[in-house]
Amino acid sequence: MIKGTRKNMYYEDKVIYQIYPKSFKDTNGDGIGDIKGITEKLDYLQTLGIDMIWMCPIFASPQRDSGYDIKDYYSIDPIFGTMEDLELLIAEAKKRNIYLMFDMVFNHTSTEHIWFQEALKGNSKYKNYYFFKKGKNGNLPTNWDSKFGGKAWKYVPEFDEYYLHLYDEKQADLNWENEEVRNELIKIVNFWLKKGIRGFRFDVINNIDKRVFADSPDGLGKQFYCDQPKVHKYLHEVNTRSFGRVAGCITVGEMSATSVENCIGYTNPQNKELDMVFSFHHLKVDYVNKEKWTSMPFDFQELKELLNTWQVRMQEGQGWNALFWNCHDQPRSVSRFGDDKKFRVHSAKMLATAIHLMRGTPYIYQGEEIGMTNHYFTNINQYRDVESINAYHILKNQGLEEKEIHQILQDKSRDNARTPMQWDESVNGGFSDGTPWLQVNTNYQTINVNAALKDTDSIFYHYQKLIKLRKEYKIISTGEYIPILENHPQVFGYKRSLNNQELIVLNNFYGQDVLLNLDVINYQVLINNYNEIDLTNLCLKPYQSVALYKKEV
């Protein structure tokens, strides 16, 4: 692992906003968000202060997995608009100093992709783009599970072979060992760079090295495809032949079941792989035995330990974290780690402060900045997510009661994040004049952008201030991270340090007051989610967060 002094990088003071296009803004009344809807809302995003928009995939797709099953990487899916719509969005965003990050799904393609269709015709060149294997002694090639339920192999009678799909059976895994595959994918990245795309998020990118096909004791198979050695080699190749040649291009990898050591390697600038990584360990602290489709209160101590560990160890290895609570695959953080009923505004602001003042690049997921909550669906017919629907049937077959299954889905379904953006008090929250593809949350009349912009003390303006602070104070973007109050049962705290400056960040994760014995009398308050705080008698109110700054003369 390469270590050394890390130079300041162009992305350290940036903030990225994630859009799930299907649910952002519909302009043609078909109930599905579109590219024109994003263009329409650029002024809003400029007011918030973000630097880049990460868009979930808008490529041509059967939409089996909401666009993460791509059949053509060079064309726009008609449900989102046209290439001309995209070119206008790129140009209009650039006028506002906002750039686009594309979501590249390179672990697999849709089975409708021309490559896979050619493979099914028996074309040996394209069969080698994927993994076609014979069964073993009447069994599957391996016992690996698919992440979306069932086994990870699909039988093709014509060949008496199976193809690998770590995700849905309509998402066939690509063979990165094949140089022709890598050339094709690099060509795709360069095509979009020429169009003006200046960021790339690589979906489950640490799963791309698969060379050992053996049964796994636990049936999961992760030890054979997660963080395998050639991932680093492949990423370096993509970097040096595409985005690494373009100044200011920001890249992030989604890392499945990863390790700190590998993420240091992926993100140490000297390695020339990626700029930053998403890791998800801190979002599994409410999983019973680390199983997603379960329900339990989050483990606060484990959450703190994971956040601190990743901050400190990535810092030591010159790596870089993507900072986030929310994304299109996770339930809403204010419903998960806060209190979306009694203390929704305070807990949403607290969660924002906790993550934005850490070392790394913050990501805001659409609606997070206004405190959108989980939907709490009560009927399986309300869900659209293939993973959630599969989980429902699996849990039912396991004998769980209907009530318990719905509780788990309410807690964990990806559809919680995918409900349409709530713009105003009008029908469907101003998202669409038609029937939305997924039901709008029933609380849209009180929780919406229009209401947030009118209220100077809203969650929106708290986010806006956090973004400004990151750009104004170098200590936030580049300072050292130091854990404090590590064993405190109620408060997540840390220090940031840079030269003669110090920043103390204190976050009360619970709905009760807490008295802290800290000498902060000589500090100034940078941001606070309550109107006041007594630094001589430091008591945090429910879900209070405060950042205290001191500069030695």
Protein backbone atom coordinates (compact mmCIF):
# COMPACT_ATOMS: atom_id res chain seq x y z
CA MET A 1 0.00 0.00 0.00
CA ILE A 2 1.39 3.38 -1.01
CA LYS A 3 1.49 5.97 1.73
CA GLY A 4 2.87 9.48 1.88
CA THR A 5 2.01 13.13 2.26
CA ARG A 6 -1.28 13.92 0.61
CA LYS A 7 -1.50 17.11 -1.43
CA ASN A 8 -4.70 19.13 -1.33
CA MET A 9 -7.03 17.85 -4.03
CA TYR A 10 -9.63 19.64 -6.13
CA TYR A 11 -12.55 17.69 -4.65
CA GLU A 12 -11.94 18.25 -0.93
CA ASP A 13 -14.19 21.30 -0.60
CA LYS A 14 -16.81 20.07 -3.06
CA VAL A 15 -20.34 18.90 -2.22
CA ILE A 16 -22.21 16.51 -4.52
CA TYR A 17 -25.97 16.19 -4.85
CA GLN A 18 -27.49 12.87 -5.89
CA ILE A 19 -30.55 12.79 -8.14
CA TYR A 20 -32.71 9.74 -8.74
CA PRO A 21 -34.07 11.03 -12.08
CA LYS A 22 -37.19 8.87 -12.06
CA SER A 23 -38.35 10.63 -8.90
CA PHE A 24 -36.96 14.17 -9.18
CA LYS A 25 -39.25 16.20 -11.46
CA ASP A 26 -41.65 15.14 -14.21
CA THR A 27 -42.26 17.74 -16.94
CA ASN A 28 -44.38 15.77 -19.43
CA GLY A 29 -47.04 14.27 -17.15
CA ASP A 30 -46.14 10.61 -17.59
CA GLY A 31 -45.46 10.17 -13.87
CA ILE A 32 -41.73 9.62 -14.36
CA GLY A 33 -39.09 12.26 -13.68
CA ASP A 34 -37.02 13.40 -16.64
CA ILE A 35 -33.92 15.31 -17.74
CA LYS A 36 -35.90 18.48 -18.46
CA GLY A 37 -37.10 18.34 -14.85
CA ILE A 38 -33.50 18.45 -13.61
CA THR A 39 -32.74 21.42 -15.90
CA GLU A 40 -35.83 23.17 -14.56
CA LYS A 41 -34.54 22.86 -10.98
CA LEU A 42 -30.91 23.95 -11.54
CA ASP A 43 -31.52 27.35 -9.93
CA TYR A 44 -32.73 25.59 -6.80
CA LEU A 45 -29.57 23.47 -6.68
CA GLN A 46 -27.42 26.54 -7.29
CA THR A 47 -29.13 28.23 -4.33
CA LEU A 48 -28.31 25.21 -2.18
CA GLY A 49 -24.67 25.64 -3.20
CA ILE A 50 -23.71 22.21 -4.56
CA ASP A 51 -20.87 21.67 -7.09
CA MET A 52 -21.88 18.50 -8.91
CA ILE A 53 -24.97 16.42 -9.64
CA TRP A 54 -24.63 12.64 -9.51
CA MET A 55 -27.45 11.22 -11.61
CA CYS A 56 -28.52 7.61 -11.29
CA PRO A 57 -28.43 5.89 -14.72
CA ILE A 58 -30.44 7.46 -17.54
CA PHE A 59 -29.15 5.07 -20.22
CA ALA A 60 -31.43 2.89 -22.35
CA SER A 61 -32.68 0.10 -20.09
CA PRO A 62 -35.55 -2.36 -19.62
CA GLN A 63 -35.80 -0.82 -16.11
CA ARG A 64 -35.80 -4.21 -14.41
CA ASP A 65 -33.59 -2.68 -11.70
CA SER A 66 -34.50 0.98 -12.18
CA GLY A 67 -31.88 1.62 -14.82
CA TYR A 68 -29.03 -0.35 -13.27
CA ASP A 69 -29.63 -2.89 -16.03
CA ILE A 70 -28.20 -1.09 -19.04
CA LYS A 71 -28.79 -2.23 -22.62
CA ASP A 72 -27.03 0.69 -24.36
CA TYR A 73 -24.41 2.88 -22.67
CA TYR A 74 -24.44 5.38 -25.53
CA SER A 75 -28.13 6.30 -25.67
CA ILE A 76 -30.62 7.96 -23.33
CA ASP A 77 -33.69 6.02 -22.26
CA PRO A 78 -36.75 7.69 -23.84
CA ILE A 79 -38.54 7.73 -20.47
CA PHE A 80 -35.98 10.38 -19.39
CA GLY A 81 -35.77 12.34 -22.65
CA THR A 82 -33.28 12.75 -25.47
CA MET A 83 -29.58 13.33 -26.02
CA GLU A 84 -30.48 16.95 -26.85
CA ASP A 85 -32.16 17.28 -23.45
CA LEU A 86 -28.99 16.00 -21.81
CA GLU A 87 -26.73 18.33 -23.80
CA LEU A 88 -28.88 21.26 -22.72
CA LEU A 89 -28.70 20.13 -19.09
CA ILE A 90 -24.89 19.88 -19.27
CA ALA A 91 -24.67 23.39 -20.76
CA GLU A 92 -27.14 25.01 -18.36
CA ALA A 93 -25.52 23.38 -15.33
CA LYS A 94 -22.08 24.57 -16.44
CA LYS A 95 -23.38 28.17 -16.57
CA ARG A 96 -24.06 27.77 -12.84
CA ASN A 97 -20.68 26.12 -12.14
CA ILE A 98 -22.39 22.78 -11.64
CA TYR A 99 -21.13 19.65 -13.40
CA LEU A 100 -22.63 16.19 -13.93
CA MET A 101 -21.49 12.87 -12.54
CA PHE A 102 -22.70 9.81 -14.45
CA ASP A 103 -23.48 6.48 -12.83
CA MET A 104 -21.53 3.78 -14.67
CA VAL A 105 -22.79 0.23 -14.15
CA PHE A 106 -19.79 -1.76 -15.33
CA ASN A 107 -20.08 -4.92 -13.20
CA HIS A 108 -22.93 -6.16 -15.38
CA THR A 109 -25.15 -5.32 -18.32
CA SER A 110 -28.78 -5.99 -19.04
CA THR A 111 -29.38 -9.31 -20.74
CA GLU A 112 -30.97 -7.17 -23.49
CA HIS A 113 -27.60 -5.56 -24.26
CA ILE A 114 -26.39 -6.38 -27.78
CA TRP A 115 -23.29 -8.07 -26.33
CA PHE A 116 -25.38 -10.53 -24.34
CA GLN A 117 -27.82 -11.04 -27.17
CA GLU A 118 -24.89 -11.98 -29.40
CA ALA A 119 -23.61 -14.30 -26.69
CA LEU A 120 -26.98 -16.10 -26.63
CA LYS A 121 -26.61 -16.67 -30.38
CA GLY A 122 -23.45 -18.63 -29.61
CA ASN A 123 -21.02 -15.91 -30.75
CA SER A 124 -17.84 -16.99 -28.92
CA LYS A 125 -16.40 -13.47 -28.84
CA TYR A 126 -19.38 -12.16 -26.87
CA LYS A 127 -19.82 -15.27 -24.75
CA ASN A 128 -16.36 -14.39 -23.43
CA TYR A 129 -17.68 -10.95 -22.43
CA TYR A 130 -19.63 -12.76 -19.68
CA PHE A 131 -19.27 -15.84 -17.49
CA PHE A 132 -20.82 -18.95 -19.01
CA LYS A 133 -20.01 -22.09 -17.02
CA LYS A 134 -20.98 -25.75 -17.02
CA GLY A 135 -22.67 -27.18 -13.95
CA LYS A 136 -20.78 -29.44 -11.56
CA ASN A 137 -22.04 -32.97 -10.93
CA GLY A 138 -25.62 -31.98 -11.61
CA ASN A 139 -25.31 -28.82 -9.48
CA LEU A 140 -24.82 -25.14 -10.29
CA PRO A 141 -21.26 -24.01 -11.17
CA THR A 142 -20.99 -22.60 -7.61
CA ASN A 143 -23.35 -22.25 -4.66
CA TRP A 144 -23.19 -18.43 -4.64
CA ASP A 145 -26.32 -16.46 -3.76
CA SER A 146 -27.63 -13.59 -5.83
CA LYS A 147 -27.83 -10.34 -3.86
CA PHE A 148 -31.45 -9.99 -4.99
CA GLY A 149 -32.51 -13.42 -3.75
CA GLY A 150 -32.10 -16.92 -5.17
CA LYS A 151 -28.91 -18.29 -6.71
CA ALA A 152 -26.43 -16.34 -8.84
CA TRP A 153 -26.60 -18.62 -11.91
CA LYS A 154 -29.20 -18.78 -14.69
CA TYR A 155 -29.48 -21.84 -16.94
CA VAL A 156 -29.26 -21.50 -20.73
CA PRO A 157 -30.61 -24.76 -22.27
CA GLU A 158 -29.11 -24.11 -25.70
CA PHE A 159 -25.59 -24.33 -24.28
CA ASP A 160 -26.29 -26.57 -21.28
CA GLU A 161 -24.47 -23.81 -19.38
CA TYR A 162 -25.22 -21.18 -16.77
CA TYR A 163 -24.37 -17.47 -16.78
CA LEU A 164 -23.38 -15.52 -13.67
CA HIS A 165 -25.64 -12.78 -12.30
CA LEU A 166 -24.64 -11.51 -8.86
CA TYR A 167 -27.73 -9.29 -8.95
CA ASP A 168 -30.98 -9.78 -10.87
CA GLU A 169 -31.12 -12.65 -13.40
CA LYS A 170 -31.52 -10.01 -16.11
CA GLN A 171 -28.18 -8.46 -15.11
CA ALA A 172 -25.34 -10.60 -16.49
CA ASP A 173 -21.88 -10.06 -14.97
CA LEU A 174 -19.12 -8.81 -17.27
CA ASN A 175 -15.76 -10.55 -17.60
CA TRP A 176 -13.15 -7.86 -16.87
CA GLU A 177 -10.36 -10.38 -17.37
CA ASN A 178 -11.17 -10.03 -21.08
CA GLU A 179 -9.17 -7.09 -22.47
CA GLU A 180 -11.84 -6.47 -25.12
CA VAL A 181 -14.39 -5.83 -22.36
CA ARG A 182 -12.11 -3.30 -20.68
CA ASN A 183 -11.49 -1.55 -24.00
CA GLU A 184 -15.24 -1.27 -24.59
CA LEU A 185 -15.87 0.19 -21.13
CA ILE A 186 -13.01 2.70 -21.41
CA LYS A 187 -14.41 3.77 -24.78
CA ILE A 188 -17.76 4.45 -23.08
CA VAL A 189 -16.15 6.65 -20.40
CA ASN A 190 -14.26 8.65 -23.04
CA PHE A 191 -17.45 9.14 -25.06
CA TRP A 192 -19.16 10.80 -22.09
CA LEU A 193 -16.10 12.85 -21.17
CA LYS A 194 -16.28 14.38 -24.66
CA LYS A 195 -19.93 15.22 -23.99
CA GLY A 196 -18.87 17.26 -20.96
CA ILE A 197 -19.53 14.81 -18.12
CA ARG A 198 -17.02 15.61 -15.35
CA GLY A 199 -17.68 12.90 -12.78
CA PHE A 200 -18.24 9.17 -12.65
CA ARG A 201 -19.70 6.97 -9.95
CA PHE A 202 -18.84 3.32 -10.55
CA ASP A 203 -21.50 0.90 -9.34
CA VAL A 204 -20.33 -2.08 -7.16
CA ILE A 205 -16.94 -1.66 -8.81
CA ASN A 206 -14.99 -3.81 -6.33
CA ASN A 207 -16.84 -6.89 -7.61
CA ILE A 208 -15.27 -6.86 -11.09
CA ASP A 209 -12.39 -9.33 -10.50
CA LYS A 210 -13.83 -12.85 -10.67
CA ARG A 211 -11.33 -15.58 -11.49
CA VAL A 212 -11.94 -18.24 -8.84
CA PHE A 213 -15.21 -20.15 -9.10
CA ALA A 214 -15.59 -22.36 -6.05
CA ASP A 215 -18.28 -23.13 -3.52
CA SER A 216 -18.43 -20.85 -0.51
CA PRO A 217 -19.01 -22.23 3.01
CA ASP A 218 -21.67 -19.57 3.66
CA GLY A 219 -23.11 -19.67 0.13
CA LEU A 220 -22.47 -15.97 -0.36
CA GLY A 221 -19.27 -16.26 -2.37
CA LYS A 222 -18.01 -12.80 -1.46
CA GLN A 223 -14.48 -14.02 -0.75
CA PHE A 224 -14.22 -14.92 -4.45
CA TYR A 225 -15.40 -11.64 -5.98
CA CYS A 226 -15.14 -8.75 -3.46
CA ASP A 227 -11.92 -6.68 -3.40
CA GLN A 228 -9.93 -9.21 -5.39
CA PRO A 229 -6.37 -8.11 -6.31
CA LYS A 230 -6.96 -7.20 -9.96
CA VAL A 231 -9.61 -4.58 -9.10
CA HIS A 232 -6.74 -2.17 -8.40
CA LYS A 233 -5.08 -3.01 -11.72
CA TYR A 234 -8.31 -2.58 -13.66
CA LEU A 235 -9.17 0.76 -12.02
CA HIS A 236 -5.67 2.08 -12.68
CA GLU A 237 -6.04 1.12 -16.33
CA VAL A 238 -9.41 2.87 -16.67
CA ASN A 239 -8.02 5.94 -14.85
CA THR A 240 -4.91 6.33 -17.01
CA ARG A 241 -6.79 5.74 -20.26
CA SER A 242 -9.85 7.93 -19.61
CA PHE A 243 -10.93 10.19 -16.73
CA GLY A 244 -7.42 10.53 -15.26
CA ARG A 245 -6.48 12.56 -18.32
CA VAL A 246 -9.16 15.20 -17.66
CA ALA A 247 -8.41 17.87 -15.04
CA GLY A 248 -11.01 18.19 -12.30
CA CYS A 249 -12.92 14.99 -13.12
CA ILE A 250 -14.26 13.50 -9.88
CA THR A 251 -14.65 9.74 -9.44
CA VAL A 252 -16.20 7.63 -6.70
CA GLY A 253 -16.55 3.88 -6.38
CA GLU A 254 -19.40 2.08 -4.69
CA MET A 255 -17.67 -0.65 -2.69
CA SER A 256 -19.60 -3.73 -1.66
CA ALA A 257 -18.52 -5.55 1.55
CA THR A 258 -15.15 -3.82 1.33
CA SER A 259 -12.23 -3.17 3.71
CA VAL A 260 -10.40 -0.03 4.82
CA GLU A 261 -7.13 -1.41 3.48
CA ASN A 262 -8.51 -1.83 -0.02
CA CYS A 263 -10.27 1.54 0.06
CA ILE A 264 -6.99 3.24 0.93
CA GLY A 265 -5.57 1.58 -2.17
CA TYR A 266 -8.52 2.64 -4.32
CA THR A 267 -8.28 6.29 -3.23
CA ASN A 268 -4.66 7.14 -2.41
CA PRO A 269 -3.92 9.70 -5.17
CA GLN A 270 -0.52 8.18 -5.86
CA ASN A 271 -2.19 4.94 -7.02
CA LYS A 272 -4.22 6.70 -9.74
CA GLU A 273 -7.39 4.66 -9.29
CA LEU A 274 -10.37 6.60 -7.86
CA ASP A 275 -10.82 9.82 -5.87
CA MET A 276 -13.12 8.46 -3.16
CA VAL A 277 -15.28 5.53 -2.11
CA PHE A 278 -18.70 4.76 -0.73
CA SER A 279 -18.51 2.13 2.00
CA PHE A 280 -21.63 0.89 3.77
CA HIS A 281 -20.55 -0.64 7.07
CA HIS A 282 -22.01 2.31 9.04
CA LEU A 283 -25.37 1.66 7.37
CA LYS A 284 -25.60 -1.89 8.66
CA VAL A 285 -25.75 -1.01 12.36
CA ASP A 286 -29.49 -1.72 12.40
CA TYR A 287 -29.14 -5.16 10.78
CA VAL A 288 -29.69 -8.21 13.01
CA ASN A 289 -26.59 -10.39 12.50
CA LYS A 290 -25.73 -8.12 9.53
CA GLU A 291 -28.76 -9.41 7.62
CA LYS A 292 -30.52 -6.57 5.78
CA TRP A 293 -34.10 -7.86 5.90
CA THR A 294 -34.41 -7.60 9.67
CA SER A 295 -35.54 -4.92 12.08
CA MET A 296 -33.81 -3.50 15.17
CA PRO A 297 -32.84 -0.12 16.67
CA PHE A 298 -29.46 1.09 15.42
CA ASP A 299 -26.39 0.30 17.53
CA PHE A 300 -25.06 3.77 18.38
CA GLN A 301 -21.75 2.60 19.79
CA GLU A 302 -21.02 0.51 16.72
CA LEU A 303 -22.00 3.41 14.48
CA LYS A 304 -19.49 5.68 16.24
CA GLU A 305 -16.73 3.09 16.11
CA LEU A 306 -17.23 2.54 12.38
CA LEU A 307 -17.32 6.24 11.53
CA ASN A 308 -14.22 6.92 13.61
CA THR A 309 -12.32 3.91 12.28
CA TRP A 310 -12.91 4.80 8.65
CA GLN A 311 -12.07 8.45 9.27
CA VAL A 312 -8.81 7.76 11.10
CA ARG A 313 -7.52 4.87 9.02
CA MET A 314 -8.32 6.45 5.65
CA GLN A 315 -6.55 9.56 6.92
CA GLU A 316 -3.48 7.53 7.93
CA GLY A 317 -3.32 5.85 4.52
CA GLN A 318 -3.98 9.05 2.53
CA GLY A 319 -7.34 7.70 1.34
CA TRP A 320 -10.59 9.63 0.95
CA ASN A 321 -14.17 8.91 2.01
CA ALA A 322 -17.45 9.83 0.38
CA LEU A 323 -19.56 11.08 3.32
CA PHE A 324 -23.23 10.13 3.29
CA TRP A 325 -26.25 8.90 5.23
CA ASN A 326 -28.60 8.62 2.27
CA CYS A 327 -28.72 7.36 -1.29
CA HIS A 328 -31.19 5.67 -3.64
CA ASP A 329 -30.47 2.29 -2.00
CA GLN A 330 -30.94 3.32 1.64
CA PRO A 331 -33.96 4.26 3.80
CA ARG A 332 -34.21 7.90 4.84
CA SER A 333 -31.68 8.79 7.55
CA VAL A 334 -34.01 11.03 9.58
CA SER A 335 -36.39 8.05 9.98
CA ARG A 336 -33.50 5.70 10.70
CA PHE A 337 -31.06 7.57 12.95
CA GLY A 338 -33.17 10.54 13.97
CA ASP A 339 -36.75 11.11 15.08
CA ASP A 340 -38.98 11.86 12.09
CA LYS A 341 -41.96 12.67 14.29
CA LYS A 342 -41.20 14.81 17.37
CA PHE A 343 -37.72 16.09 16.44
CA ARG A 344 -37.66 15.81 12.65
CA VAL A 345 -36.11 19.22 11.97
CA HIS A 346 -33.54 19.09 14.78
CA SER A 347 -32.49 15.50 14.12
CA ALA A 348 -32.21 16.10 10.34
CA LYS A 349 -29.96 19.09 10.99
CA MET A 350 -27.91 17.12 13.51
CA LEU A 351 -27.29 14.31 11.05
CA ALA A 352 -26.25 16.84 8.42
CA THR A 353 -23.75 18.55 10.75
CA ALA A 354 -22.32 15.22 11.91
CA ILE A 355 -21.46 14.08 8.38
CA HIS A 356 -20.64 17.38 6.61
CA LEU A 357 -17.92 18.48 9.02
CA MET A 358 -15.97 15.21 8.74
CA ARG A 359 -12.97 14.52 6.52
CA GLY A 360 -14.22 13.55 3.07
CA THR A 361 -16.59 14.73 0.36
CA PRO A 362 -20.25 15.08 1.43
CA TYR A 363 -23.09 13.73 -0.70
CA ILE A 364 -26.65 14.99 -0.34
CA TYR A 365 -29.45 12.77 -1.62
CA GLN A 366 -32.50 14.50 -3.11
CA GLY A 367 -34.98 15.50 -0.42
CA GLU A 368 -32.50 15.01 2.39
CA GLU A 369 -32.02 18.78 2.48
CA ILE A 370 -35.70 19.28 3.33
CA GLY A 371 -35.94 16.36 5.76
CA MET A 372 -37.94 13.90 3.68
CA THR A 373 -38.91 10.76 5.61
CA ASN A 374 -39.64 7.10 4.97
CA HIS A 375 -43.06 6.52 3.43
CA TYR A 376 -44.24 3.69 5.70
CA PHE A 377 -46.07 1.72 3.01
CA THR A 378 -48.56 -0.82 4.39
CA ASN A 379 -49.24 -3.03 1.34
CA ILE A 380 -46.80 -4.98 -0.82
CA ASN A 381 -48.62 -3.67 -3.92
CA GLN A 382 -47.34 -0.18 -3.08
CA TYR A 383 -43.72 -1.25 -3.63
CA ARG A 384 -41.93 -1.09 -6.99
CA ASP A 385 -38.39 -2.14 -6.03
CA VAL A 386 -37.51 -5.64 -7.29
CA GLU A 387 -35.29 -6.32 -4.26
CA SER A 388 -38.06 -5.39 -1.80
CA ILE A 389 -40.68 -7.47 -3.59
CA ASN A 390 -38.34 -10.47 -3.68
CA ALA A 391 -37.59 -10.00 0.02
CA TYR A 392 -41.31 -9.94 0.84
CA HIS A 393 -41.83 -13.36 -0.76
CA ILE A 394 -38.67 -14.82 0.80
CA LEU A 395 -39.68 -13.63 4.29
CA LYS A 396 -43.22 -14.94 3.75
CA ASN A 397 -41.84 -18.35 2.76
CA GLN A 398 -39.73 -18.30 5.93
CA GLY A 399 -42.95 -18.10 7.92
CA LEU A 400 -42.82 -14.50 9.14
CA GLU A 401 -46.12 -12.82 9.98
CA GLU A 402 -47.43 -10.19 7.54
CA LYS A 403 -47.16 -7.47 10.18
CA GLU A 404 -43.51 -8.26 10.87
CA ILE A 405 -42.67 -8.34 7.16
CA HIS A 406 -44.22 -4.90 6.64
CA GLN A 407 -42.26 -3.52 9.58
CA ILE A 408 -39.02 -4.77 8.01
CA LEU A 409 -39.91 -3.34 4.59
CA GLN A 410 -40.88 -0.01 6.16
CA ASP A 411 -37.46 0.08 7.81
CA LYS A 412 -35.28 -1.20 4.99
CA SER A 413 -36.88 -0.90 1.53
CA ARG A 414 -35.04 1.11 -1.11
CA ASP A 415 -38.42 2.56 -2.14
CA ASN A 416 -38.27 4.75 0.98
CA ALA A 417 -35.62 6.81 -0.80
CA ARG A 418 -37.30 6.63 -4.20
CA THR A 419 -40.62 8.31 -3.45
CA PRO A 420 -40.98 11.43 -5.60
CA MET A 421 -39.34 14.71 -4.61
CA GLN A 422 -41.71 16.98 -2.70
CA TRP A 423 -41.61 20.43 -4.32
CA ASP A 424 -44.74 22.15 -3.02
CA GLU A 425 -48.20 21.74 -1.50
CA SER A 426 -49.99 20.97 -4.77
CA VAL A 427 -51.20 17.55 -5.91
CA ASN A 428 -48.37 14.96 -5.94
CA GLY A 429 -46.14 17.45 -4.18
CA GLY A 430 -45.58 19.28 -7.47
CA PHE A 431 -43.64 16.30 -8.83
CA SER A 432 -46.02 15.42 -11.67
CA ASP A 433 -49.35 16.34 -13.23
CA GLY A 434 -49.87 12.64 -13.99
CA THR A 435 -49.92 9.54 -11.80
CA PRO A 436 -46.48 9.13 -10.19
CA TRP A 437 -44.71 5.80 -10.85
CA LEU A 438 -44.35 5.46 -7.05
CA GLN A 439 -46.68 7.06 -4.50
CA VAL A 440 -45.68 10.45 -3.14
CA ASN A 441 -45.24 10.50 0.63
CA THR A 442 -48.47 11.61 2.31
CA ASN A 443 -46.61 14.30 4.31
CA TYR A 444 -45.78 16.36 1.19
CA GLN A 445 -48.14 19.19 2.17
CA THR A 446 -45.94 20.12 5.13
CA ILE A 447 -42.54 18.75 4.03
CA ASN A 448 -41.64 20.32 0.68
CA VAL A 449 -39.16 22.66 -0.99
CA ASN A 450 -41.56 25.59 -1.18
CA ALA A 451 -42.16 25.54 2.58
CA ALA A 452 -38.43 25.07 3.26
CA LEU A 453 -37.39 28.08 1.18
CA LYS A 454 -39.89 30.32 3.00
CA ASP A 455 -38.60 29.34 6.45
CA THR A 456 -35.21 30.92 7.24
CA ASP A 457 -34.68 28.34 10.01
CA SER A 458 -35.41 25.33 7.78
CA ILE A 459 -33.31 22.24 7.21
CA PHE A 460 -32.54 23.55 3.71
CA TYR A 461 -30.74 26.65 4.99
CA HIS A 462 -28.82 24.55 7.50
CA TYR A 463 -27.46 22.49 4.59
CA GLN A 464 -26.71 25.65 2.65
CA LYS A 465 -24.68 26.98 5.58
CA LEU A 466 -22.76 23.70 5.97
CA ILE A 467 -21.78 23.83 2.29
CA LYS A 468 -20.58 27.43 2.67
CA LEU A 469 -18.56 26.54 5.77
CA ARG A 470 -16.73 23.74 3.93
CA LYS A 471 -15.66 26.21 1.27
CA GLU A 472 -14.77 28.96 3.73
CA TYR A 473 -12.85 26.98 6.38
CA LYS A 474 -9.86 24.91 5.23
CA ILE A 475 -9.96 23.05 8.54
CA ILE A 476 -13.20 21.37 7.38
CA SER A 477 -11.98 20.36 3.93
CA THR A 478 -8.39 19.39 4.81
CA GLY A 479 -7.94 19.32 8.60
CA GLU A 480 -6.97 16.28 10.65
CA TYR A 481 -9.78 14.20 12.17
CA ILE A 482 -9.49 13.26 15.87
CA PRO A 483 -12.20 11.23 17.69
CA ILE A 484 -13.39 12.45 21.10
CA LEU A 485 -16.02 11.19 23.57
CA GLU A 486 -15.58 7.75 22.00
CA ASN A 487 -17.47 5.88 24.73
CA HIS A 488 -20.15 8.46 25.41
CA PRO A 489 -23.56 6.72 25.26
CA GLN A 490 -25.39 9.65 23.69
CA VAL A 491 -22.97 11.97 21.86
CA PHE A 492 -20.91 11.50 18.71
CA GLY A 493 -18.04 13.96 18.89
CA TYR A 494 -14.84 14.69 17.03
CA LYS A 495 -12.19 17.36 16.56
CA ARG A 496 -10.72 18.75 13.39
CA SER A 497 -7.28 20.31 13.54
CA LEU A 498 -5.26 22.40 11.09
CA ASN A 499 -2.17 24.41 12.04
CA ASN A 500 -3.32 26.79 14.79
CA GLN A 501 -7.04 26.07 14.33
CA GLU A 502 -9.34 23.65 16.11
CA LEU A 503 -12.94 22.65 15.46
CA ILE A 504 -15.02 20.62 17.91
CA VAL A 505 -18.18 18.98 16.57
CA LEU A 506 -20.73 17.61 19.05
CA ASN A 507 -23.85 15.67 18.02
CA ASN A 508 -26.54 14.46 20.41
CA PHE A 509 -28.13 11.39 18.77
CA TYR A 510 -30.98 11.13 21.27
CA GLY A 511 -34.11 12.93 22.42
CA GLN A 512 -32.85 13.77 25.93
CA ASP A 513 -30.66 16.60 27.23
CA VAL A 514 -27.05 15.74 27.94
CA LEU A 515 -24.49 17.66 30.03
CA LEU A 516 -20.88 17.58 28.78
CA ASN A 517 -17.77 18.35 30.80
CA LEU A 518 -15.74 20.14 28.13
CA ASP A 519 -13.83 23.42 28.36
CA VAL A 520 -15.05 25.32 25.31
CA ILE A 521 -15.41 28.78 26.79
CA ASN A 522 -12.96 30.34 24.33
CA TYR A 523 -14.57 28.88 21.20
CA GLN A 524 -17.00 30.53 18.81
CA VAL A 525 -20.12 28.82 17.49
CA LEU A 526 -19.84 28.12 13.74
CA ILE A 527 -23.17 26.35 13.37
CA ASN A 528 -25.89 25.25 15.79
CA ASN A 529 -29.27 23.65 15.13
CA TYR A 530 -30.80 25.45 18.13
CA ASN A 531 -30.96 29.21 18.60
CA GLU A 532 -28.65 29.24 21.60
CA ILE A 533 -26.08 27.32 23.63
CA ASP A 534 -24.36 28.14 26.92
CA LEU A 535 -20.64 27.40 26.54
CA THR A 536 -20.03 27.91 30.26
CA ASN A 537 -22.44 25.10 31.11
CA LEU A 538 -22.39 22.87 28.04
CA CYS A 539 -25.74 21.12 27.81
CA LEU A 540 -26.94 19.68 24.52
CA LYS A 541 -30.69 19.63 23.98
CA PRO A 542 -32.46 16.73 22.19
CA TYR A 543 -30.71 16.06 18.87
CA GLN A 544 -28.66 19.21 19.26
CA SER A 545 -25.48 19.54 17.22
CA VAL A 546 -22.97 22.33 17.47
CA ALA A 547 -19.62 23.08 15.85
CA LEU A 548 -17.20 25.17 17.94
CA TYR A 549 -14.18 26.89 16.37
CA LYS A 550 -11.00 28.31 17.87
CA LYS A 551 -8.00 29.91 16.22
CA GLU A 552 -4.88 30.55 18.30
CA VAL A 553 -3.27 33.92 17.63
